[in-house]
N, C-alpha and C. Protein backbone atom coordinates (compact mmCIF):
# COMPACT_ATOMS: atom_id res chain seq x y z
N UNK A 1 8.34 -7.02 -3.87
CA UNK A 1 9.08 -5.79 -3.62
C UNK A 1 10.54 -6.02 -3.99
N UNK A 2 11.13 -5.06 -4.61
CA UNK A 2 12.53 -5.17 -5.00
C UNK A 2 13.42 -5.23 -3.77
N UNK A 3 14.46 -6.09 -3.85
CA UNK A 3 15.41 -6.18 -2.76
C UNK A 3 16.17 -4.88 -2.57
N UNK A 4 16.31 -4.11 -3.65
CA UNK A 4 17.09 -2.89 -3.58
C UNK A 4 16.31 -1.71 -2.99
N UNK A 5 15.00 -1.89 -2.77
CA UNK A 5 14.21 -0.79 -2.20
C UNK A 5 14.68 -0.56 -0.77
N UNK A 6 15.02 0.66 -0.49
CA UNK A 6 15.57 0.96 0.82
C UNK A 6 14.50 0.88 1.90
N UNK A 7 14.92 0.50 3.07
CA UNK A 7 14.01 0.44 4.21
C UNK A 7 13.44 1.82 4.50
N UNK A 8 14.23 2.85 4.29
CA UNK A 8 13.75 4.22 4.51
C UNK A 8 12.60 4.56 3.57
N UNK A 9 12.72 4.17 2.29
CA UNK A 9 11.65 4.43 1.34
C UNK A 9 10.38 3.69 1.75
N UNK A 10 10.52 2.45 2.18
CA UNK A 10 9.36 1.66 2.63
C UNK A 10 8.72 2.35 3.82
N UNK A 11 9.52 2.79 4.77
CA UNK A 11 9.00 3.47 5.96
C UNK A 11 8.23 4.73 5.58
N UNK A 12 8.77 5.51 4.66
CA UNK A 12 8.11 6.74 4.22
C UNK A 12 6.78 6.42 3.54
N UNK A 13 6.77 5.40 2.69
CA UNK A 13 5.52 5.00 2.03
C UNK A 13 4.48 4.56 3.06
N UNK A 14 4.91 3.81 4.06
CA UNK A 14 3.98 3.35 5.09
C UNK A 14 3.44 4.53 5.90
N UNK A 15 4.27 5.51 6.17
CA UNK A 15 3.82 6.70 6.89
C UNK A 15 2.74 7.44 6.11
N UNK A 16 2.97 7.60 4.81
CA UNK A 16 1.99 8.29 3.96
C UNK A 16 0.69 7.48 3.93
N UNK A 17 0.79 6.16 3.83
CA UNK A 17 -0.39 5.29 3.83
C UNK A 17 -1.15 5.45 5.15
N UNK A 18 -0.43 5.42 6.26
CA UNK A 18 -1.08 5.52 7.58
C UNK A 18 -1.75 6.87 7.80
N UNK A 19 -1.24 7.90 7.16
CA UNK A 19 -1.86 9.22 7.25
C UNK A 19 -3.13 9.31 6.39
N UNK A 20 -3.39 8.26 5.62
CA UNK A 20 -4.57 8.24 4.76
C UNK A 20 -4.40 9.01 3.47
N UNK A 21 -3.15 9.31 3.13
CA UNK A 21 -2.87 10.09 1.93
C UNK A 21 -2.51 9.22 0.73
N UNK A 22 -2.59 7.90 0.91
CA UNK A 22 -2.27 6.97 -0.17
C UNK A 22 -3.17 5.76 -0.02
N UNK A 23 -3.75 5.33 -1.13
CA UNK A 23 -4.62 4.15 -1.10
C UNK A 23 -3.78 2.88 -1.03
N UNK A 24 -4.43 1.80 -0.70
CA UNK A 24 -3.75 0.50 -0.70
C UNK A 24 -3.23 0.17 -2.09
N UNK A 25 -4.02 0.46 -3.11
CA UNK A 25 -3.60 0.19 -4.48
C UNK A 25 -2.35 0.96 -4.87
N UNK A 26 -2.32 2.23 -4.50
CA UNK A 26 -1.14 3.06 -4.80
C UNK A 26 0.07 2.58 -4.00
N UNK A 27 -0.15 2.22 -2.75
CA UNK A 27 0.94 1.67 -1.93
C UNK A 27 1.49 0.42 -2.58
N UNK A 28 0.59 -0.46 -3.01
CA UNK A 28 1.01 -1.70 -3.67
C UNK A 28 1.86 -1.40 -4.90
N UNK A 29 1.40 -0.44 -5.69
CA UNK A 29 2.13 -0.05 -6.89
C UNK A 29 3.53 0.45 -6.53
N UNK A 30 3.61 1.32 -5.54
CA UNK A 30 4.90 1.88 -5.12
C UNK A 30 5.84 0.81 -4.56
N UNK A 31 5.26 -0.23 -3.94
CA UNK A 31 6.05 -1.32 -3.38
C UNK A 31 6.30 -2.43 -4.39
N UNK A 32 5.79 -2.24 -5.61
CA UNK A 32 5.92 -3.23 -6.68
C UNK A 32 5.27 -4.57 -6.26
N UNK A 33 4.06 -4.45 -5.71
CA UNK A 33 3.29 -5.61 -5.28
C UNK A 33 1.89 -5.50 -5.84
N UNK A 34 1.18 -6.62 -5.87
CA UNK A 34 -0.24 -6.54 -6.16
C UNK A 34 -0.96 -6.18 -4.86
N UNK A 35 -2.19 -5.68 -4.93
CA UNK A 35 -2.89 -5.24 -3.72
C UNK A 35 -3.05 -6.32 -2.64
N UNK A 36 -3.25 -7.56 -3.02
CA UNK A 36 -3.40 -8.64 -2.03
C UNK A 36 -2.08 -8.85 -1.28
N UNK A 37 -0.98 -8.86 -2.00
CA UNK A 37 0.34 -9.02 -1.38
C UNK A 37 0.65 -7.83 -0.48
N UNK A 38 0.28 -6.64 -0.92
CA UNK A 38 0.50 -5.44 -0.10
C UNK A 38 -0.32 -5.53 1.19
N UNK A 39 -1.55 -6.00 1.09
CA UNK A 39 -2.40 -6.16 2.28
C UNK A 39 -1.75 -7.15 3.25
N UNK A 40 -1.24 -8.26 2.72
CA UNK A 40 -0.56 -9.25 3.56
C UNK A 40 0.71 -8.65 4.19
N UNK A 41 1.43 -7.84 3.42
CA UNK A 41 2.63 -7.16 3.91
C UNK A 41 2.28 -6.26 5.09
N UNK A 42 1.20 -5.48 4.95
CA UNK A 42 0.77 -4.60 6.03
C UNK A 42 0.41 -5.41 7.27
N UNK A 43 -0.36 -6.45 7.08
CA UNK A 43 -0.76 -7.29 8.22
C UNK A 43 0.45 -7.90 8.92
N UNK A 44 1.42 -8.36 8.14
CA UNK A 44 2.60 -8.99 8.74
C UNK A 44 3.45 -8.00 9.53
N UNK A 45 3.26 -6.70 9.25
CA UNK A 45 3.97 -5.66 9.98
C UNK A 45 3.09 -4.98 11.04
N UNK A 46 1.91 -5.56 11.27
CA UNK A 46 1.02 -5.03 12.30
C UNK A 46 0.38 -3.71 11.95
N UNK A 47 0.28 -3.41 10.67
CA UNK A 47 -0.29 -2.14 10.22
C UNK A 47 -1.74 -2.38 9.81
N UNK A 48 -2.66 -1.62 10.40
CA UNK A 48 -4.07 -1.81 10.06
C UNK A 48 -4.37 -1.41 8.62
N UNK A 49 -5.30 -2.13 8.03
CA UNK A 49 -5.74 -1.81 6.68
C UNK A 49 -6.68 -0.62 6.77
N UNK A 50 -6.38 0.42 5.99
CA UNK A 50 -7.21 1.62 5.98
C UNK A 50 -8.46 1.37 5.16
N UNK A 51 -9.57 1.89 5.61
CA UNK A 51 -10.81 1.82 4.83
C UNK A 51 -10.72 2.85 3.72
N UNK A 52 -10.86 2.38 2.51
CA UNK A 52 -10.81 3.27 1.36
C UNK A 52 -12.22 3.76 1.04
N UNK A 53 -12.30 4.92 0.44
CA UNK A 53 -13.59 5.37 -0.02
C UNK A 53 -13.94 4.67 -1.33
N UNK A 54 -15.16 4.79 -1.78
CA UNK A 54 -15.63 4.08 -2.96
C UNK A 54 -14.78 4.42 -4.19
N UNK A 55 -14.46 5.69 -4.38
CA UNK A 55 -13.66 6.10 -5.54
C UNK A 55 -12.29 5.42 -5.53
N UNK A 56 -11.69 5.34 -4.36
CA UNK A 56 -10.38 4.72 -4.24
C UNK A 56 -10.45 3.24 -4.58
N UNK A 57 -11.47 2.56 -4.10
CA UNK A 57 -11.64 1.14 -4.37
C UNK A 57 -11.85 0.92 -5.87
N UNK A 58 -12.71 1.72 -6.49
CA UNK A 58 -12.96 1.57 -7.92
C UNK A 58 -11.69 1.83 -8.73
N UNK A 59 -10.91 2.80 -8.32
CA UNK A 59 -9.65 3.08 -8.98
C UNK A 59 -8.68 1.91 -8.87
N UNK A 60 -8.61 1.30 -7.68
CA UNK A 60 -7.74 0.15 -7.48
C UNK A 60 -8.18 -1.02 -8.35
N UNK A 61 -9.49 -1.24 -8.46
CA UNK A 61 -9.99 -2.34 -9.28
C UNK A 61 -9.64 -2.09 -10.74
N UNK A 62 -9.80 -0.85 -11.18
CA UNK A 62 -9.49 -0.50 -12.57
C UNK A 62 -8.01 -0.71 -12.87
N UNK A 63 -7.14 -0.41 -11.90
CA UNK A 63 -5.71 -0.50 -12.11
C UNK A 63 -5.12 -1.87 -11.83
N UNK A 64 -5.92 -2.78 -11.32
CA UNK A 64 -5.41 -4.12 -10.96
C UNK A 64 -5.10 -4.95 -12.18
């Protein structure tokens, strides 16, 4: 993740993710991380990993 990314932007992205409106893959992309690093980031902040639907998982694999 870029050092210049504002904490407010990260908070907003996490809110959208928690609402289920953003996949882990898209969150990773927005945070400039790979999906594994994004998953570790979520865990380190005590944020549960959302269960993605099959289409979302396939999209993340295609975009990885």
